[in-house]
Protein backbone atom coordinates (compact mmCIF):
# COMPACT_ATOMS: atom_id res chain seq x y z
CA MET A 1 -18.87 -24.04 6.09
CA HIS A 2 -20.25 -20.18 6.41
CA LYS A 3 -20.85 -18.31 3.19
CA LYS A 4 -18.20 -15.99 3.95
CA GLU A 5 -15.76 -18.19 5.17
CA ILE A 6 -16.36 -20.32 1.92
CA GLU A 7 -15.35 -17.21 0.00
CA LEU A 8 -12.44 -16.42 1.81
CA THR A 9 -11.22 -20.16 1.67
CA ASN A 10 -11.49 -20.11 -2.28
CA TYR A 11 -9.53 -16.43 -2.43
CA LEU A 12 -6.90 -17.55 -0.57
CA LYS A 13 -6.32 -20.81 -2.44
CA SER A 14 -6.13 -18.79 -5.46
CA ALA A 15 -3.78 -16.24 -3.81
CA LEU A 16 -1.44 -18.92 -2.60
CA VAL A 17 -0.66 -19.92 -6.19
CA PHE A 18 0.02 -16.54 -7.21
CA PRO A 19 -0.51 -12.80 -5.55
CA LYS A 20 -3.45 -10.95 -5.96
CA GLU A 21 -1.64 -7.48 -5.05
CA ILE A 22 1.36 -6.49 -6.57
CA HIS A 23 3.33 -3.52 -5.97
CA LEU A 24 5.94 -1.80 -8.54
CA GLU A 25 7.67 0.70 -7.45
CA SER A 26 8.14 3.39 -10.24
CA SER A 27 10.44 5.52 -8.23
CA SER A 28 12.20 4.84 -5.12
CA ARG A 29 13.32 8.64 -4.91
CA CYS A 30 10.79 11.09 -2.38
CA ASN A 31 10.65 14.96 -2.62
CA SER A 32 9.67 14.79 1.34
CA SER A 33 10.82 13.91 4.21
CA CYS A 34 7.53 12.93 6.58
CA LEU A 35 7.50 12.28 10.16
CA THR A 36 6.62 8.86 9.57
CA CYS A 37 8.63 7.77 7.04
CA PRO A 38 12.25 6.19 8.16
CA ARG A 39 13.49 6.75 4.81
CA ASP A 40 16.99 8.08 6.43
CA LYS A 41 18.03 4.60 7.42
CA MET A 42 17.29 3.53 3.54
CA GLN A 43 20.53 2.23 2.60
CA ARG A 44 19.64 0.95 -1.21
CA GLU A 45 20.17 2.79 -4.19
CA LEU A 46 17.42 5.26 -5.29
CA GLY A 47 16.05 5.43 -8.40
CA GLU A 48 13.60 4.27 -11.13
CA MET A 49 12.01 0.80 -12.36
CA SER A 50 13.40 0.38 -15.35
CA ARG A 51 10.78 -0.34 -18.11
CA GLU A 52 12.56 -4.06 -18.84
CA ILE A 53 11.79 -4.98 -14.96
CA PHE A 54 8.33 -3.09 -15.25
CA VAL A 55 7.10 -5.31 -18.10
CA LYS A 56 8.37 -8.45 -17.35
CA ALA A 57 6.42 -8.41 -13.61
CA VAL A 58 3.11 -6.67 -15.40
CA ASN A 59 3.55 -9.43 -18.55
CA GLU A 60 3.37 -12.85 -16.14
CA THR A 61 0.28 -10.96 -14.17
CA ALA A 62 -1.56 -11.41 -17.73
CA ASN A 63 -3.53 -15.04 -16.93
CA TYR A 64 -4.22 -14.00 -13.38
CA ASP A 65 -7.12 -12.34 -11.52
CA MET A 66 -5.48 -9.41 -9.40
CA ASP A 67 -7.01 -7.04 -7.05
CA TYR A 68 -4.89 -4.35 -8.15
CA ILE A 69 -1.19 -3.35 -9.66
CA MET A 70 0.04 -0.41 -7.60
CA LEU A 71 3.02 1.55 -9.73
CA HIS A 72 4.10 2.56 -6.45
CA LEU A 73 6.19 1.09 -3.17
CA ASN A 74 7.93 3.45 -1.44
CA GLY A 75 8.75 6.30 -3.46
CA GLU A 76 7.00 9.26 -4.83
CA PRO A 77 5.91 7.94 -8.46
CA LEU A 78 5.59 10.86 -10.01
CA LEU A 79 8.93 11.57 -10.13
CA LEU A 80 9.30 9.35 -12.89
CA ASP A 81 8.55 11.07 -16.05
CA ILE A 82 5.13 11.45 -16.86
CA ASP A 83 4.85 10.06 -20.26
CA GLU A 84 6.70 7.00 -19.22
CA LEU A 85 4.33 6.64 -15.96
CA VAL A 86 1.17 6.98 -18.33
CA TRP A 87 2.49 4.83 -20.94
CA ARG A 88 2.78 2.24 -18.02
CA ILE A 89 -0.48 2.46 -16.97
CA ASN A 90 -1.74 2.00 -20.14
CA TYR A 91 0.50 -1.08 -20.48
CA ALA A 92 -0.44 -2.33 -17.17
CA ARG A 93 -4.65 -1.81 -18.04
CA ASP A 94 -4.05 -3.94 -21.65
CA THR A 95 -1.98 -6.57 -20.57
CA ASN A 96 -4.09 -7.63 -18.00
CA PRO A 97 -8.02 -6.53 -18.13
CA LYS A 98 -9.26 -8.58 -15.66
CA CYS A 99 -7.08 -6.95 -13.15
CA LYS A 100 -9.34 -5.18 -10.64
CA GLN A 101 -7.57 -1.42 -10.24
CA ILE A 102 -4.47 -0.09 -11.56
CA ASN A 103 -3.66 2.57 -9.10
CA PHE A 104 -0.52 4.19 -6.99
CA PHE A 105 -0.17 6.22 -3.87
CA THR A 106 1.01 10.01 -4.12
CA ASN A 107 1.91 12.94 -1.95
CA GLY A 108 -0.25 15.50 -4.38
CA SER A 109 2.85 17.93 -4.61
CA LEU A 110 3.89 17.24 -8.07
CA LEU A 111 -0.12 17.43 -9.53
CA THR A 112 0.68 19.68 -12.23
CA PRO A 113 -2.01 20.97 -14.64
CA GLU A 114 -0.57 19.15 -17.32
CA ILE A 115 0.44 15.59 -15.27
CA ILE A 116 -3.62 16.09 -13.97
CA ASP A 117 -4.78 15.75 -17.89
CA LYS A 118 -2.42 13.01 -18.67
CA LEU A 119 -3.50 10.92 -15.62
CA LEU A 120 -7.30 11.63 -16.25
CA LEU A 121 -6.63 10.55 -19.59
CA SER A 122 -4.56 7.33 -19.13
CA LYS A 123 -6.18 4.23 -18.10
CA LEU A 124 -5.50 4.57 -14.28
CA ASP A 125 -8.52 3.84 -11.81
CA LEU A 126 -7.21 4.81 -8.86
CA ILE A 127 -5.30 7.70 -7.61
CA MET A 128 -4.65 7.61 -3.52
CA ILE A 129 -3.43 10.95 -1.80
CA SER A 130 -1.79 10.77 1.20
CA ILE A 131 -2.12 13.97 3.36
CA ASP A 132 -1.71 13.59 6.64
CA GLY A 133 -3.12 16.89 8.11
CA GLY A 134 -5.97 19.52 7.97
CA ASN A 135 -4.27 22.54 8.48
CA GLN A 136 -0.75 24.24 7.28
CA GLU A 137 0.46 23.80 10.85
CA ASP A 138 -0.01 20.13 10.69
CA TYR A 139 0.31 19.02 7.32
CA GLU A 140 3.84 21.14 6.89
CA LYS A 141 4.98 19.35 10.49
CA ILE A 142 4.57 16.01 9.00
CA ARG A 143 4.62 16.06 5.55
CA ARG A 144 8.32 18.09 5.66
CA GLY A 145 9.38 19.54 2.55
CA LEU A 146 5.81 20.10 1.13
CA SER A 147 3.78 22.89 1.21
CA TRP A 148 -0.07 22.29 2.10
CA LYS A 149 -1.46 25.45 -0.14
CA THR A 150 -0.09 23.51 -2.97
CA LEU A 151 -1.60 20.52 -2.09
CA VAL A 152 -5.10 21.70 -1.87
CA ASN A 153 -5.10 23.60 -4.87
CA ASN A 154 -3.89 20.77 -6.68
CA VAL A 155 -6.42 18.21 -5.23
CA TYR A 156 -9.13 20.83 -5.87
CA ASN A 157 -7.79 21.28 -9.56
CA LEU A 158 -7.82 17.56 -9.77
CA VAL A 159 -11.42 16.63 -8.76
CA LYS A 160 -12.72 20.13 -10.88
CA ARG A 161 -10.71 18.45 -14.08
CA LYS A 162 -12.13 15.40 -13.84
CA LYS A 163 -15.63 16.46 -14.24
CA GLU A 164 -14.74 18.77 -17.06
CA LEU A 165 -12.79 15.64 -19.00
CA LYS A 166 -15.75 13.36 -17.71
CA SER A 167 -13.40 10.90 -16.05
CA ASN A 168 -13.74 7.69 -14.00
CA LEU A 169 -10.78 8.01 -12.14
CA TYR A 170 -11.47 7.28 -8.58
CA ILE A 171 -10.14 9.83 -6.13
CA GLN A 172 -9.40 9.05 -2.78
CA THR A 173 -7.21 10.75 0.02
CA ALA A 174 -6.05 9.42 3.16
CA ILE A 175 -4.78 10.52 6.79
CA VAL A 176 -2.42 9.04 9.47
CA PRO A 177 -4.49 10.30 12.74
CA GLN A 178 -1.29 10.64 15.18
CA VAL A 179 -0.74 13.02 17.94
CA ALA A 180 1.07 16.01 15.46
CA ASN A 181 -2.14 16.17 13.72
CA GLN A 182 -5.18 15.01 16.06
CA ASN A 183 -6.89 18.58 16.10
CA SER A 184 -6.90 18.71 12.39
CA VAL A 185 -8.15 15.37 11.45
CA ARG A 186 -11.77 16.41 11.53
CA THR A 187 -10.94 19.49 9.47
CA TYR A 188 -8.81 17.11 6.82
CA PHE A 189 -11.97 14.77 6.55
CA SER A 190 -14.49 18.40 6.14
CA ILE A 191 -11.95 19.84 3.84
CA PHE A 192 -11.66 17.36 1.20
CA SER A 193 -15.17 15.70 1.59
CA THR A 194 -15.91 19.69 0.39
CA ILE A 195 -13.78 19.43 -2.36
CA GLY A 196 -15.66 16.57 -4.00
CA VAL A 197 -13.20 13.36 -3.64
CA ASP A 198 -14.34 10.41 -4.49
CA HIS A 199 -13.29 8.54 -0.74
CA VAL A 200 -11.81 10.63 2.21
CA ALA A 201 -9.97 7.41 4.33
CA GLY A 202 -7.17 6.70 6.47
CA SER A 203 -5.54 4.57 8.94
CA GLY A 204 -3.55 4.52 12.13
CA VAL A 205 0.23 4.80 12.61
CA ASN A 206 2.64 1.86 12.55
CA ASN A 207 6.24 1.67 13.73
CA ILE A 208 7.44 0.36 10.12
CA GLY A 209 8.66 -2.76 11.59
CA GLY A 210 10.30 -0.98 14.48
CA LEU A 211 12.15 1.54 12.27
CA ILE A 212 10.20 4.15 13.78
CA ASP A 213 9.35 4.77 17.74
CA ALA A 214 5.68 5.33 16.70
CA ASP A 215 4.53 4.72 20.36
CA ASN A 216 4.69 8.54 21.45
CA MET A 217 3.07 9.24 17.63
CA LYS A 218 -0.31 7.03 18.43
CA LEU A 219 -3.35 8.09 19.40
CA SER A 220 -4.29 6.42 22.96
CA THR A 221 -7.25 4.75 21.04
CA GLN A 222 -4.82 2.88 18.84
CA ARG A 223 -1.82 2.38 21.63
CA ASN A 224 -4.44 0.69 23.87
CA ASP A 225 -5.63 -2.26 21.46
CA ILE A 226 -2.64 -4.67 22.03
CA LYS A 227 -4.65 -7.40 20.71
CA ALA A 228 -4.84 -6.31 16.92
CA ILE A 229 -0.76 -6.61 17.17
CA ASN A 230 -1.21 -10.09 17.20
CA LEU A 231 -3.40 -10.17 14.37
CA PRO A 232 -2.44 -12.19 11.50
CA CYS A 233 -0.56 -10.48 8.58
CA PHE A 234 -2.40 -10.65 5.41
CA LYS A 235 0.43 -9.20 3.11
CA ILE A 236 2.13 -12.23 3.15
CA PHE A 237 -0.36 -14.23 1.65
CA LEU A 238 -1.74 -11.70 -0.66
CA ASP A 239 1.13 -9.43 -2.01
CA LEU A 240 4.12 -9.05 -3.63
CA ASP A 241 6.33 -5.91 -3.77
CA ILE A 242 8.92 -5.32 -6.18
CA CYS A 243 11.85 -2.68 -5.47
CA SER A 244 13.13 0.02 -8.26
CA ASP A 245 16.07 -1.91 -8.62
CA GLY A 246 14.08 -5.72 -9.35
CA ARG A 247 14.33 -6.54 -5.50
CA ALA A 248 11.18 -8.16 -4.03
CA LEU A 249 10.29 -7.32 -0.45
CA ILE A 250 8.62 -9.41 1.98
CA CYS A 251 6.46 -6.34 2.70
CA SER A 252 6.06 -2.74 1.55
CA GLN A 253 6.52 -1.82 4.88
CA ASP A 254 9.91 -2.50 4.27
CA VAL A 255 11.17 0.68 3.33
CA VAL A 256 14.58 0.12 3.84
CA GLY A 257 14.81 -3.60 2.44
CA ALA A 258 15.67 -5.28 5.28
CA LEU A 259 14.31 -8.53 3.76
CA PRO A 260 14.67 -9.50 0.88
CA ILE A 261 12.74 -12.51 -0.83
CA GLY A 262 14.22 -12.53 -4.33
CA ASP A 263 15.42 -10.92 -7.44
CA LEU A 264 12.93 -10.56 -10.69
CA LYS A 265 16.04 -10.00 -12.33
CA THR A 266 16.71 -13.53 -12.19
CA GLN A 267 13.59 -15.09 -10.58
CA THR A 268 9.73 -15.24 -11.96
CA LEU A 269 6.99 -13.28 -9.78
CA GLN A 270 5.64 -16.93 -9.22
CA GLU A 271 9.46 -18.56 -8.14
CA ILE A 272 9.49 -15.88 -5.89
CA TRP A 273 5.94 -16.44 -4.54
CA GLN A 274 6.42 -19.88 -3.73
CA GLY A 275 10.17 -19.98 -3.26
CA PHE A 276 12.08 -21.25 0.11
CA ILE A 277 12.39 -17.63 1.84
CA ILE A 278 8.60 -16.99 1.91
CA SER A 279 7.58 -20.33 2.66
CA GLU A 280 10.19 -20.06 5.80
CA ILE A 281 8.25 -16.86 6.52
CA ARG A 282 5.33 -18.25 6.14
CA GLU A 283 5.77 -21.06 8.54
CA LYS A 284 7.16 -19.04 11.18
CA PHE A 285 4.09 -17.18 11.31
CA MET A 286 1.80 -19.70 11.22
CA SER A 287 3.09 -21.56 14.29
CA GLY A 288 3.30 -18.59 16.50
CA ARG A 289 6.96 -17.68 15.99
CA LYS A 290 6.75 -14.16 14.38
CA GLN A 291 9.00 -12.88 17.03
CA GLU A 292 12.33 -14.76 15.11
CA ILE A 293 11.73 -13.13 12.10
CA PRO A 294 13.76 -10.11 10.94
CA PHE A 295 11.43 -6.83 10.40
CA CYS A 296 8.27 -8.47 10.79
CA GLY A 297 9.30 -9.61 14.87
CA LYS A 298 9.45 -5.52 15.56
CA CYS A 299 6.26 -4.73 13.45
CA ASP A 300 3.03 -3.53 14.81
CA PHE A 301 1.13 -3.10 11.37
CA MET A 302 -1.80 -4.49 12.20
CA THR A 303 -2.91 -1.64 15.05
CA GLY A 304 -3.30 0.51 12.02
CA PHE A 305 -6.59 -0.71 11.64
CA VAL A 306 -7.96 0.43 15.17
CA TYR A 307 -9.47 3.55 14.95
CA PRO A 308 -10.29 6.50 17.00
CA GLU A 309 -13.98 5.74 18.49
CA TRP A 310 -15.42 8.73 16.62
CA TRP A 311 -14.24 8.29 13.63
CA ASP A 312 -17.18 6.61 11.39
CA ILE A 313 -15.60 4.14 10.08
CA SER A 314 -17.02 0.39 9.61
CA GLN A 315 -14.66 -2.43 10.27
CA GLU A 316 -17.01 -5.26 8.95
CA ASP A 317 -14.98 -5.85 5.66
CA TRP A 318 -11.71 -6.99 6.84
CA THR A 319 -12.95 -8.12 10.62
CA LEU A 320 -13.55 -11.72 9.08
CA ALA A 321 -9.78 -11.86 7.05
CA TYR A 322 -7.97 -10.91 9.79
CA ASP A 323 -9.72 -13.18 12.43
CA THR A 324 -7.61 -15.82 13.82
CA ALA A 325 -9.59 -18.53 12.14
CA VAL A 326 -8.18 -17.82 9.14
CA ASN A 327 -4.60 -18.88 10.15
CA ASP A 328 -6.50 -22.37 10.18
CA ILE A 329 -8.23 -21.85 6.76
CA ILE A 330 -4.65 -21.18 5.55
CA LYS A 331 -3.06 -23.68 6.56
CA ASP A 332 -5.21 -26.10 5.74
CA LEU A 333 -5.40 -25.01 2.22
CA CYS A 334 -1.51 -24.85 2.11
CA LYS A 335 -1.82 -29.29 3.30
CA ARG A 336 -4.67 -29.75 0.80
CA LEU A 337 -2.75 -27.79 -2.18
CA ARG A 338 0.80 -29.05 -1.18
CA LEU A 339 1.85 -25.76 -1.58
CA PRO A 340 4.69 -24.09 0.53
CA ILE A 341 3.15 -22.22 4.15
């Protein structure tokens, strides 16, 4: 067996016992109404995750080697009281020192000087700022309700204060290249590289499980890659997503909560992870019956890894992981470990 295949097999072996990644929704509320987000279809009650649910989840991760604990799912985490958010960041790190990364996504609009300093002095490892534009017109067209000038100023101040405080926080920005911003993607890379963020990144648009019509948003390179739609989905084998109300979802893309797989208020993370609902979903994926699964059946998430030809991003890191051979590896592992697929 190839060395990389052995490494992947061992990695998946541990992931089938307990998720490698966990998303904890600090807040399901958001201060923006983005073009690529179907929040208008969300029917679940909006609010913040209680400390009780958060602590229960983090405590259960303590004995496992996690890739990351993300304090974000579908809302804006900085709408949670900043002192409470910092407490949770530090609690997650102290409870699971083996976890490779404590992180979250934010739209960056609420990064005031006070919040910046508190985050930089916390035990947060990575902050990812979703931007989706390289100029005011494109950004404010997609990130409706937010200000381009405020965003750029906030990112600049974050980088500046990181240097002043000698913080180790890794700062990443992200863009979703699409028709609405295709003329400013290069500018985005230039601006935030110049500002000095640690990594300027992005990925393609997807239809959020069929909740939005993404076909007209996608760039031609992404639209034409039909094969990517059928790549095996890693999310049901690696990460577990917990809503602010404690319900577990099949995927972070499930913005509206269409496919719940358990409830942390009455179950443990491991009970959910090895439960009947997710096991049945995995079995359908592995037997080529993805179309039978609500939400997943319409999803084109994997096309989000298809980049414009001019975009200088290496895809070697994920090629093996999403190769169709992974299906056979997972099936074999499940049989040998007598675990549900």
